[in-house]
PDB file of N, CA and C in Angstrom:
ATOM      1  N   UNK A   1     -32.150  24.980  14.398  1.00  0.00           N
ATOM      2  CA  UNK A   1     -33.503  24.574  13.535  1.00  0.00           C
ATOM      3  C   UNK A   1     -34.527  24.359  14.679  1.00  0.00           C
ATOM      4  N   UNK A   2     -35.702  24.737  14.186  1.00  0.00           N
ATOM      5  CA  UNK A   2     -36.799  24.719  15.181  1.00  0.00           C
ATOM      6  C   UNK A   2     -37.464  23.525  15.110  1.00  0.00           C
ATOM      7  N   UNK A   3     -38.119  23.225  15.906  1.00  0.00           N
ATOM      8  CA  UNK A   3     -38.769  21.794  15.916  1.00  0.00           C
ATOM      9  C   UNK A   3     -40.445  22.217  15.901  1.00  0.00           C
ATOM     10  N   UNK A   4     -41.501  21.496  15.139  1.00  0.00           N
ATOM     11  CA  UNK A   4     -42.627  21.304  15.018  1.00  0.00           C
ATOM     12  C   UNK A   4     -43.184  20.082  15.082  1.00  0.00           C
ATOM     13  N   UNK A   5     -44.115  20.095  16.001  1.00  0.00           N
ATOM     14  CA  UNK A   5     -45.106  18.721  16.256  1.00  0.00           C
ATOM     15  C   UNK A   5     -46.486  18.708  15.300  1.00  0.00           C
ATOM     16  N   UNK A   6     -46.432  17.528  14.451  1.00  0.00           N
ATOM     17  CA  UNK A   6     -47.813  17.647  13.809  1.00  0.00           C
ATOM     18  C   UNK A   6     -48.350  16.316  14.274  1.00  0.00           C
ATOM     19  N   UNK A   7     -50.011  16.218  14.057  1.00  0.00           N
ATOM     20  CA  UNK A   7     -50.416  14.839  14.196  1.00  0.00           C
ATOM     21  C   UNK A   7     -51.035  14.696  12.747  1.00  0.00           C
ATOM     22  N   UNK A   8     -51.013  13.409  12.910  1.00  0.00           N
ATOM     23  CA  UNK A   8     -50.946  12.605  11.684  1.00  0.00           C
ATOM     24  C   UNK A   8     -52.688  11.567  11.758  1.00  0.00           C
ATOM     25  N   UNK A   9     -53.253  10.966  11.038  1.00  0.00           N
ATOM     26  CA  UNK A   9     -53.956  10.007  11.045  1.00  0.00           C
ATOM     27  C   UNK A   9     -52.996   8.978  11.201  1.00  0.00           C
ATOM     28  N   UNK A  10     -53.566   7.748  11.547  1.00  0.00           N
ATOM     29  CA  UNK A  10     -52.723   6.496  11.461  1.00  0.00           C
ATOM     30  C   UNK A  10     -52.353   6.198  10.340  1.00  0.00           C
ATOM     31  N   UNK A  11     -53.056   5.921   9.064  1.00  0.00           N
ATOM     32  CA  UNK A  11     -52.818   5.959   7.789  1.00  0.00           C
ATOM     33  C   UNK A  11     -51.622   6.574   7.363  1.00  0.00           C
ATOM     34  N   UNK A  12     -51.799   7.762   7.615  1.00  0.00           N
ATOM     35  CA  UNK A  12     -50.729   8.856   7.131  1.00  0.00           C
ATOM     36  C   UNK A  12     -49.152   8.257   7.854  1.00  0.00           C
ATOM     37  N   UNK A  13     -49.241   8.118   9.142  1.00  0.00           N
ATOM     38  CA  UNK A  13     -48.140   7.769  10.131  1.00  0.00           C
ATOM     39  C   UNK A  13     -47.561   6.479   9.696  1.00  0.00           C
ATOM     40  N   UNK A  14     -48.539   5.741   9.244  1.00  0.00           N
ATOM     41  CA  UNK A  14     -47.757   4.486   8.618  1.00  0.00           C
ATOM     42  C   UNK A  14     -47.232   4.768   7.490  1.00  0.00           C
ATOM     43  N   UNK A  15     -47.533   5.150   6.407  1.00  0.00           N
ATOM     44  CA  UNK A  15     -46.902   5.577   5.072  1.00  0.00           C
ATOM     45  C   UNK A  15     -45.916   6.400   5.327  1.00  0.00           C
ATOM     46  N   UNK A  16     -45.754   7.219   6.344  1.00  0.00           N
ATOM     47  CA  UNK A  16     -44.568   8.066   6.114  1.00  0.00           C
ATOM     48  C   UNK A  16     -43.581   6.885   7.209  1.00  0.00           C
ATOM     49  N   UNK A  17     -43.857   6.114   8.097  1.00  0.00           N
ATOM     50  CA  UNK A  17     -42.763   4.946   8.651  1.00  0.00           C
ATOM     51  C   UNK A  17     -42.602   3.973   7.508  1.00  0.00           C
ATOM     52  N   UNK A  18     -43.409   3.455   6.678  1.00  0.00           N
ATOM     53  CA  UNK A  18     -43.250   2.903   5.601  1.00  0.00           C
ATOM     54  C   UNK A  18     -41.736   3.286   4.555  1.00  0.00           C
ATOM     55  N   UNK A  19     -41.943   4.752   4.322  1.00  0.00           N
ATOM     56  CA  UNK A  19     -41.164   5.625   3.392  1.00  0.00           C
ATOM     57  C   UNK A  19     -39.355   5.419   4.102  1.00  0.00           C
ATOM     58  N   UNK A  20     -39.541   5.604   5.147  1.00  0.00           N
ATOM     59  CA  UNK A  20     -38.248   5.466   6.537  1.00  0.00           C
ATOM     60  C   UNK A  20     -38.009   4.084   6.286  1.00  0.00           C
ATOM     61  N   UNK A  21     -38.572   3.530   6.318  1.00  0.00           N
ATOM     62  CA  UNK A  21     -38.638   1.561   6.685  1.00  0.00           C
ATOM     63  C   UNK A  21     -37.636   1.393   5.352  1.00  0.00           C
ATOM     64  N   UNK A  22     -38.254   1.653   4.123  1.00  0.00           N
ATOM     65  CA  UNK A  22     -37.583   1.471   2.989  1.00  0.00           C
ATOM     66  C   UNK A  22     -36.449   2.081   2.464  1.00  0.00           C
ATOM     67  N   UNK A  23     -35.790   2.683   3.766  1.00  0.00           N
ATOM     68  CA  UNK A  23     -34.347   3.406   3.190  1.00  0.00           C
ATOM     69  C   UNK A  23     -34.149   4.653   2.373  1.00  0.00           C
ATOM     70  N   UNK A  24     -35.438   5.155   2.288  1.00  0.00           N
ATOM     71  CA  UNK A  24     -35.468   6.360   1.540  1.00  0.00           C
ATOM     72  C   UNK A  24     -35.067   7.737   2.119  1.00  0.00           C
ATOM     73  N   UNK A  25     -35.667   7.446   3.359  1.00  0.00           N
ATOM     74  CA  UNK A  25     -34.648   8.454   4.460  1.00  0.00           C
ATOM     75  C   UNK A  25     -34.888   7.934   5.662  1.00  0.00           C
ATOM     76  N   UNK A  26     -33.861   8.700   6.242  1.00  0.00           N
ATOM     77  CA  UNK A  26     -33.417   8.475   7.468  1.00  0.00           C
ATOM     78  C   UNK A  26     -34.492   8.360   8.691  1.00  0.00           C
ATOM     79  N   UNK A  27     -35.281   9.776   8.476  1.00  0.00           N
ATOM     80  CA  UNK A  27     -36.250   9.813   9.777  1.00  0.00           C
ATOM     81  C   UNK A  27     -37.435  10.344   9.130  1.00  0.00           C
ATOM     82  N   UNK A  28     -38.512  10.465   9.849  1.00  0.00           N
ATOM     83  CA  UNK A  28     -39.816  10.908   9.227  1.00  0.00           C
ATOM     84  C   UNK A  28     -39.521  12.558   9.278  1.00  0.00           C
ATOM     85  N   UNK A  29     -38.772  13.289  10.136  1.00  0.00           N
ATOM     86  CA  UNK A  29     -38.505  14.522   9.958  1.00  0.00           C
ATOM     87  C   UNK A  29     -37.702  14.919   8.439  1.00  0.00           C
ATOM     88  N   UNK A  30     -36.794  14.200   7.995  1.00  0.00           N
ATOM     89  CA  UNK A  30     -36.144  14.233   6.708  1.00  0.00           C
ATOM     90  C   UNK A  30     -36.950  14.166   5.731  1.00  0.00           C
ATOM     91  N   UNK A  31     -38.133  12.851   5.632  1.00  0.00           N
ATOM     92  CA  UNK A  31     -39.192  12.954   4.536  1.00  0.00           C
ATOM     93  C   UNK A  31     -40.066  13.996   4.946  1.00  0.00           C
ATOM     94  N   UNK A  32     -40.567  14.599   5.956  1.00  0.00           N
ATOM     95  CA  UNK A  32     -41.473  15.826   5.767  1.00  0.00           C
ATOM     96  C   UNK A  32     -40.698  17.034   5.042  1.00  0.00           C
ATOM     97  N   UNK A  33     -39.342  17.065   5.453  1.00  0.00           N
ATOM     98  CA  UNK A  33     -38.585  18.350   4.839  1.00  0.00           C
ATOM     99  C   UNK A  33     -38.462  18.183   3.655  1.00  0.00           C
ATOM    100  N   UNK A  34     -38.271  16.947   3.029  1.00  0.00           N
ATOM    101  CA  UNK A  34     -38.227  16.594   1.781  1.00  0.00           C
ATOM    102  C   UNK A  34     -39.471  17.097   0.789  1.00  0.00           C
ATOM    103  N   UNK A  35     -40.559  16.786   1.512  1.00  0.00           N
ATOM    104  CA  UNK A  35     -41.942  16.988   0.895  1.00  0.00           C
ATOM    105  C   UNK A  35     -42.063  18.689   0.887  1.00  0.00           C
ATOM    106  N   UNK A  36     -41.735  19.317   2.006  1.00  0.00           N
ATOM    107  CA  UNK A  36     -41.773  20.467   2.109  1.00  0.00           C
ATOM    108  C   UNK A  36     -41.052  21.491   0.891  1.00  0.00           C
ATOM    109  N   UNK A  37     -39.730  20.648   0.864  1.00  0.00           N
ATOM    110  CA  UNK A  37     -39.095  21.368  -0.496  1.00  0.00           C
ATOM    111  C   UNK A  37     -39.614  21.045  -1.956  1.00  0.00           C
ATOM    112  N   UNK A  38     -39.955  20.038  -1.970  1.00  0.00           N
ATOM    113  CA  UNK A  38     -40.678  19.536  -3.091  1.00  0.00           C
ATOM    114  C   UNK A  38     -41.987  20.408  -3.580  1.00  0.00           C
ATOM    115  N   UNK A  39     -42.529  20.906  -2.500  1.00  0.00           N
ATOM    116  CA  UNK A  39     -43.717  21.831  -2.581  1.00  0.00           C
ATOM    117  C   UNK A  39     -43.162  23.339  -3.084  1.00  0.00           C
ATOM    118  N   UNK A  40     -42.117  23.473  -2.125  1.00  0.00           N
ATOM    119  CA  UNK A  40     -41.753  24.940  -2.666  1.00  0.00           C
ATOM    120  C   UNK A  40     -41.287  25.092  -3.897  1.00  0.00           C
ATOM    121  N   UNK A  41     -40.739  23.679  -4.596  1.00  0.00           N
ATOM    122  CA  UNK A  41     -40.270  24.006  -5.752  1.00  0.00           C
ATOM    123  C   UNK A  41     -41.249  23.844  -6.890  1.00  0.00           C
ATOM    124  N   UNK A  42     -42.503  23.315  -6.524  1.00  0.00           N
ATOM    125  CA  UNK A  42     -43.680  23.127  -7.152  1.00  0.00           C
ATOM    126  C   UNK A  42     -44.460  24.719  -7.435  1.00  0.00           C
ATOM    127  N   UNK A  43     -44.073  24.997  -6.263  1.00  0.00           N
ATOM    128  CA  UNK A  43     -44.996  26.153  -6.309  1.00  0.00           C
ATOM    129  C   UNK A  43     -44.066  27.492  -7.153  1.00  0.00           C
ATOM    130  N   UNK A  44     -42.830  27.690  -6.561  1.00  0.00           N
ATOM    131  CA  UNK A  44     -41.790  28.272  -7.782  1.00  0.00           C
ATOM    132  C   UNK A  44     -41.941  28.284  -9.142  1.00  0.00           C
ATOM    133  N   UNK A  45     -42.097  26.600  -9.475  1.00  0.00           N
ATOM    134  CA  UNK A  45     -42.405  26.257 -11.088  1.00  0.00           C
ATOM    135  C   UNK A  45     -43.747  27.152 -11.310  1.00  0.00           C
ATOM    136  N   UNK A  46     -44.926  26.908 -10.392  1.00  0.00           N
ATOM    137  CA  UNK A  46     -45.971  27.527 -10.899  1.00  0.00           C
ATOM    138  C   UNK A  46     -46.046  28.980 -11.117  1.00  0.00           C
ATOM    139  N   UNK A  47     -45.573  29.614 -10.210  1.00  0.00           N
ATOM    140  CA  UNK A  47     -45.467  31.067 -10.277  1.00  0.00           C
ATOM    141  C   UNK A  47     -44.716  31.479 -11.624  1.00  0.00           C
ATOM    142  N   UNK A  48     -43.697  30.748 -12.103  1.00  0.00           N
ATOM    143  CA  UNK A  48     -42.899  30.954 -13.284  1.00  0.00           C
ATOM    144  C   UNK A  48     -43.709  30.685 -14.347  1.00  0.00           C
ATOM    145  N   UNK A  49     -44.418  29.324 -14.447  1.00  0.00           N
ATOM    146  CA  UNK A  49     -45.470  29.160 -15.645  1.00  0.00           C
ATOM    147  C   UNK A  49     -46.441  30.616 -15.667  1.00  0.00           C
ATOM    148  N   UNK A  50     -47.203  30.861 -14.799  1.00  0.00           N
ATOM    149  CA  UNK A  50     -48.094  31.756 -14.526  1.00  0.00           C
ATOM    150  C   UNK A  50     -47.707  33.206 -15.213  1.00  0.00           C
ATOM    151  N   UNK A  51     -46.217  33.426 -14.765  1.00  0.00           N
ATOM    152  CA  UNK A  51     -45.737  34.695 -15.114  1.00  0.00           C
ATOM    153  C   UNK A  51     -45.455  34.721 -16.893  1.00  0.00           C
ATOM    154  N   UNK A  52     -45.095  33.292 -17.356  1.00  0.00           N
ATOM    155  CA  UNK A  52     -44.834  32.940 -18.592  1.00  0.00           C
ATOM    156  C   UNK A  52     -46.094  33.070 -19.473  1.00  0.00           C
ATOM    157  N   UNK A  53     -47.339  32.652 -18.933  1.00  0.00           N
ATOM    158  CA  UNK A  53     -48.567  33.057 -19.563  1.00  0.00           C
ATOM    159  C   UNK A  53     -49.324  34.215 -19.594  1.00  0.00           C
ATOM    160  N   UNK A  54     -48.749  34.935 -18.647  1.00  0.00           N
ATOM    161  CA  UNK A  54     -49.494  36.280 -18.727  1.00  0.00           C
ATOM    162  C   UNK A  54     -48.116  37.309 -19.399  1.00  0.00           C
ATOM    163  N   UNK A  55     -47.039  36.459 -19.871  1.00  0.00           N
ATOM    164  CA  UNK A  55     -46.008  38.102 -20.689  1.00  0.00           C
ATOM    165  C   UNK A  55     -46.804  37.687 -22.117  1.00  0.00           C
ATOM    166  N   UNK A  56     -45.943  38.537 -22.812  1.00  0.00           N
ATOM    167  CA  UNK A  56     -46.349  38.972 -24.316  1.00  0.00           C
ATOM    168  C   UNK A  56     -45.831  37.770 -24.868  1.00  0.00           C
ATOM    169  N   UNK A  57     -46.414  37.502 -25.923  1.00  0.00           N
ATOM    170  CA  UNK A  57     -45.709  36.477 -26.918  1.00  0.00           C
ATOM    171  C   UNK A  57     -44.638  36.704 -27.464  1.00  0.00           C
ATOM    172  N   UNK A  58     -43.963  35.536 -27.557  1.00  0.00           N
ATOM    173  CA  UNK A  58     -42.449  36.031 -28.122  1.00  0.00           C
ATOM    174  C   UNK A  58     -42.448  35.318 -29.547  1.00  0.00           C
ATOM    175  N   UNK A  59     -41.250  35.631 -29.877  1.00  0.00           N
ATOM    176  CA  UNK A  59     -41.236  34.733 -31.544  1.00  0.00           C
ATOM    177  C   UNK A  59     -41.371  33.267 -31.654  1.00  0.00           C
ATOM    178  N   UNK A  60     -41.897  32.881 -32.599  1.00  0.00           N
ATOM    179  CA  UNK A  60     -42.289  31.769 -32.908  1.00  0.00           C
ATOM    180  C   UNK A  60     -41.329  31.024 -32.854  1.00  0.00           C
ATOM    181  N   UNK A  61     -41.708  29.469 -32.435  1.00  0.00           N
ATOM    182  CA  UNK A  61     -40.312  28.326 -32.434  1.00  0.00           C
ATOM    183  C   UNK A  61     -40.506  27.825 -33.515  1.00  0.00           C
ATOM    184  N   UNK A  62     -40.573  28.248 -34.768  1.00  0.00           N
ATOM    185  CA  UNK A  62     -39.738  27.535 -35.710  1.00  0.00           C
ATOM    186  C   UNK A  62     -38.279  27.105 -35.973  1.00  0.00           C
ATOM    187  N   UNK A  63     -38.044  26.536 -37.493  1.00  0.00           N
ATOM    188  CA  UNK A  63     -36.636  26.045 -37.535  1.00  0.00           C
ATOM    189  C   UNK A  63     -35.812  27.208 -37.401  1.00  0.00           C
ATOM    190  N   UNK A  64     -36.230  28.390 -37.600  1.00  0.00           N
ATOM    191  CA  UNK A  64     -34.924  29.142 -37.847  1.00  0.00           C
ATOM    192  C   UNK A  64     -34.792  29.503 -36.147  1.00  0.00           C
ATOM    193  N   UNK A  65     -35.812  29.429 -35.494  1.00  0.00           N
ATOM    194  CA  UNK A  65     -35.344  29.774 -34.106  1.00  0.00           C
ATOM    195  C   UNK A  65     -34.499  29.136 -33.502  1.00  0.00           C
ATOM    196  N   UNK A  66     -34.839  27.647 -33.637  1.00  0.00           N
ATOM    197  CA  UNK A  66     -33.834  26.572 -33.180  1.00  0.00           C
ATOM    198  C   UNK A  66     -32.365  26.702 -33.655  1.00  0.00           C
ATOM    199  N   UNK A  67     -32.196  27.139 -35.130  1.00  0.00           N
ATOM    200  CA  UNK A  67     -30.975  27.056 -35.565  1.00  0.00           C
ATOM    201  C   UNK A  67     -30.340  28.294 -35.141  1.00  0.00           C
ATOM    202  N   UNK A  68     -30.987  29.396 -34.570  1.00  0.00           N
ATOM    203  CA  UNK A  68     -30.394  30.605 -34.155  1.00  0.00           C
ATOM    204  C   UNK A  68     -29.829  30.493 -32.797  1.00  0.00           C
ATOM    205  N   UNK A  69     -30.675  29.337 -31.792  1.00  0.00           N
ATOM    206  CA  UNK A  69     -30.276  28.829 -30.752  1.00  0.00           C
ATOM    207  C   UNK A  69     -28.896  27.850 -30.529  1.00  0.00           C
ATOM    208  N   UNK A  70     -28.929  26.922 -31.630  1.00  0.00           N
ATOM    209  CA  UNK A  70     -27.890  26.447 -31.903  1.00  0.00           C
ATOM    210  C   UNK A  70     -26.509  26.947 -32.029  1.00  0.00           C
ATOM    211  N   UNK A  71     -26.377  27.922 -33.103  1.00  0.00           N
ATOM    212  CA  UNK A  71     -25.423  28.937 -33.282  1.00  0.00           C
ATOM    213  C   UNK A  71     -24.841  29.614 -31.863  1.00  0.00           C
ATOM    214  N   UNK A  72     -25.683  30.124 -31.383  1.00  0.00           N
ATOM    215  CA  UNK A  72     -25.533  30.636 -29.952  1.00  0.00           C
ATOM    216  C   UNK A  72     -24.848  29.510 -29.459  1.00  0.00           C
ATOM    217  N   UNK A  73     -25.059  28.568 -29.140  1.00  0.00           N
ATOM    218  CA  UNK A  73     -24.309  27.488 -28.251  1.00  0.00           C
ATOM    219  C   UNK A  73     -23.033  27.197 -28.962  1.00  0.00           C
ATOM    220  N   UNK A  74     -23.110  26.664 -30.124  1.00  0.00           N
ATOM    221  CA  UNK A  74     -21.524  26.669 -30.784  1.00  0.00           C
ATOM    222  C   UNK A  74     -20.883  28.119 -30.558  1.00  0.00           C
ATOM    223  N   UNK A  75     -21.217  29.101 -30.670  1.00  0.00           N
ATOM    224  CA  UNK A  75     -20.466  30.431 -30.518  1.00  0.00           C
ATOM    225  C   UNK A  75     -19.877  30.228 -28.979  1.00  0.00           C
ATOM    226  N   UNK A  76     -20.903  30.018 -28.160  1.00  0.00           N
ATOM    227  CA  UNK A  76     -20.385  30.170 -26.503  1.00  0.00           C
ATOM    228  C   UNK A  76     -19.243  29.081 -26.256  1.00  0.00           C
ATOM    229  N   UNK A  77     -19.420  27.520 -27.033  1.00  0.00           N
ATOM    230  CA  UNK A  77     -18.643  26.773 -26.703  1.00  0.00           C
ATOM    231  C   UNK A  77     -17.371  27.172 -27.575  1.00  0.00           C
ATOM    232  N   UNK A  78     -17.194  27.632 -28.290  1.00  0.00           N
ATOM    233  CA  UNK A  78     -15.988  28.173 -29.137  1.00  0.00           C
ATOM    234  C   UNK A  78     -15.066  29.210 -28.118  1.00  0.00           C
ATOM    235  N   UNK A  79     -16.053  30.181 -27.487  1.00  0.00           N
ATOM    236  CA  UNK A  79     -15.513  30.775 -26.962  1.00  0.00           C
ATOM    237  C   UNK A  79     -14.743  30.463 -25.330  1.00  0.00           C
ATOM    238  N   UNK A  80     -15.688  29.516 -24.597  1.00  0.00           N
ATOM    239  CA  UNK A  80     -15.056  29.531 -23.772  1.00  0.00           C
ATOM    240  C   UNK A  80     -13.970  28.379 -23.917  1.00  0.00           C
ATOM    241  N   UNK A  81     -13.792  27.512 -25.201  1.00  0.00           N
ATOM    242  CA  UNK A  81     -12.737  26.515 -25.126  1.00  0.00           C
ATOM    243  C   UNK A  81     -11.627  27.658 -25.543  1.00  0.00           C
ATOM    244  N   UNK A  82     -11.479  28.826 -25.962  1.00  0.00           N
ATOM    245  CA  UNK A  82     -10.427  29.762 -26.168  1.00  0.00           C
ATOM    246  C   UNK A  82      -9.863  30.077 -24.757  1.00  0.00           C
ATOM    247  N   UNK A  83     -10.676  30.071 -24.001  1.00  0.00           N
ATOM    248  CA  UNK A  83     -10.280  30.283 -22.460  1.00  0.00           C
ATOM    249  C   UNK A  83     -10.710  31.553 -21.787  1.00  0.00           C
TER     250      UNK A  83
END
């Protein structure tokens, strides 16, 4: 694992320390790693949303669409129960 040193204003350092003291994280490094992971997830979700927005329109999500989804789920459940 690589090491990275960062500088924080006192207010931010205090906030990180509070998060660790509350027992949410074992160390300040764990807290920062979690923030980075969440930001990665956010960026991935944003990319997916943008790709979806740029894609061609799909079929309308009307009652028939949802009934078709339910039918597919029921069929998949039956198939998996058979083995």
